[in-house]
C-alpha atoms as a PDB file:
ATOM      1  CA  UNK A   1       7.832  51.827  68.823  1.00  0.00           C
ATOM      2  CA  UNK A   2       9.978  49.327  66.982  1.00  0.00           C
ATOM      3  CA  UNK A   3      12.613  49.596  64.295  1.00  0.00           C
ATOM      4  CA  UNK A   4      13.578  46.627  62.166  1.00  0.00           C
ATOM      5  CA  UNK A   5      16.389  46.238  59.658  1.00  0.00           C
ATOM      6  CA  UNK A   6      16.677  43.567  56.971  1.00  0.00           C
ATOM      7  CA  UNK A   7      19.548  41.130  57.584  1.00  0.00           C
ATOM      8  CA  UNK A   8      21.019  41.599  54.140  1.00  0.00           C
ATOM      9  CA  UNK A   9      20.918  45.399  54.290  1.00  0.00           C
ATOM     10  CA  UNK A  10      22.795  47.881  56.369  1.00  0.00           C
ATOM     11  CA  UNK A  11      21.137  51.099  57.500  1.00  0.00           C
ATOM     12  CA  UNK A  12      22.535  54.293  56.072  1.00  0.00           C
ATOM     13  CA  UNK A  13      24.332  56.590  58.506  1.00  0.00           C
ATOM     14  CA  UNK A  14      21.400  59.006  58.266  1.00  0.00           C
ATOM     15  CA  UNK A  15      18.896  56.308  59.246  1.00  0.00           C
ATOM     16  CA  UNK A  16      21.144  55.043  62.048  1.00  0.00           C
ATOM     17  CA  UNK A  17      21.510  58.572  63.424  1.00  0.00           C
ATOM     18  CA  UNK A  18      17.729  59.072  63.287  1.00  0.00           C
ATOM     19  CA  UNK A  19      17.082  55.795  65.128  1.00  0.00           C
ATOM     20  CA  UNK A  20      19.676  56.706  67.778  1.00  0.00           C
ATOM     21  CA  UNK A  21      18.061  60.137  68.174  1.00  0.00           C
ATOM     22  CA  UNK A  22      14.595  58.588  68.581  1.00  0.00           C
ATOM     23  CA  UNK A  23      15.870  56.094  71.161  1.00  0.00           C
ATOM     24  CA  UNK A  24      17.476  58.918  73.147  1.00  0.00           C
ATOM     25  CA  UNK A  25      14.323  61.019  72.895  1.00  0.00           C
ATOM     26  CA  UNK A  26      12.103  58.218  74.192  1.00  0.00           C
ATOM     27  CA  UNK A  27      14.550  57.405  76.985  1.00  0.00           C
ATOM     28  CA  UNK A  28      14.599  61.037  78.126  1.00  0.00           C
ATOM     29  CA  UNK A  29      10.815  61.361  77.924  1.00  0.00           C
ATOM     30  CA  UNK A  30      10.416  58.262  80.120  1.00  0.00           C
ATOM     31  CA  UNK A  31      12.910  59.659  82.641  1.00  0.00           C
ATOM     32  CA  UNK A  32      11.032  62.974  82.649  1.00  0.00           C
ATOM     33  CA  UNK A  33       7.712  61.191  83.117  1.00  0.00           C
ATOM     34  CA  UNK A  34       9.119  59.156  86.022  1.00  0.00           C
ATOM     35  CA  UNK A  35      10.512  62.308  87.652  1.00  0.00           C
ATOM     36  CA  UNK A  36       7.266  64.249  87.292  1.00  0.00           C
ATOM     37  CA  UNK A  37       5.259  61.301  88.625  1.00  0.00           C
ATOM     38  CA  UNK A  38       7.528  61.087  91.675  1.00  0.00           C
ATOM     39  CA  UNK A  39       7.241  64.814  92.325  1.00  0.00           C
ATOM     40  CA  UNK A  40       3.448  64.706  91.966  1.00  0.00           C
ATOM     41  CA  UNK A  41       3.140  61.783  94.385  1.00  0.00           C
ATOM     42  CA  UNK A  42       5.425  63.479  96.912  1.00  0.00           C
ATOM     43  CA  UNK A  43       3.334  66.652  96.708  1.00  0.00           C
ATOM     44  CA  UNK A  44       0.151  64.628  97.177  1.00  0.00           C
ATOM     45  CA  UNK A  45       1.555  63.059 100.360  1.00  0.00           C
ATOM     46  CA  UNK A  46       2.525  66.476 101.769  1.00  0.00           C
ATOM     47  CA  UNK A  47      -0.673  68.332 100.922  1.00  0.00           C
ATOM     48  CA  UNK A  48      -3.568  68.054 103.347  1.00  0.00           C
ATOM     49  CA  UNK A  49      -6.756  66.543 102.022  1.00  0.00           C
ATOM     50  CA  UNK A  50      -9.206  69.079 100.612  1.00  0.00           C
ATOM     51  CA  UNK A  51     -11.678  68.647 103.477  1.00  0.00           C
ATOM     52  CA  UNK A  52      -8.848  69.298 105.985  1.00  0.00           C
ATOM     53  CA  UNK A  53      -7.948  72.676 104.509  1.00  0.00           C
ATOM     54  CA  UNK A  54      -9.204  75.773 106.283  1.00  0.00           C
ATOM     55  CA  UNK A  55     -12.226  77.429 104.757  1.00  0.00           C
ATOM     56  CA  UNK A  56     -11.233  80.606 102.929  1.00  0.00           C
ATOM     57  CA  UNK A  57     -14.771  81.831 102.336  1.00  0.00           C
ATOM     58  CA  UNK A  58     -16.411  84.747 104.142  1.00  0.00           C
ATOM     59  CA  UNK A  59     -19.049  83.855 106.735  1.00  0.00           C
END
């Protein structure tokens, strides 16, 4: 996402606050995505492969 301002115009305080809020929101969502990806990959490394798991069915 991009935000552009005209050189000869200054953004209103309301617009500036909104842009700052959006930037913070996107930064936090990227941090959250990175954290969840790391946790998922760590769990994948710890979990045995599906074919290695004991059979839970009744024989």
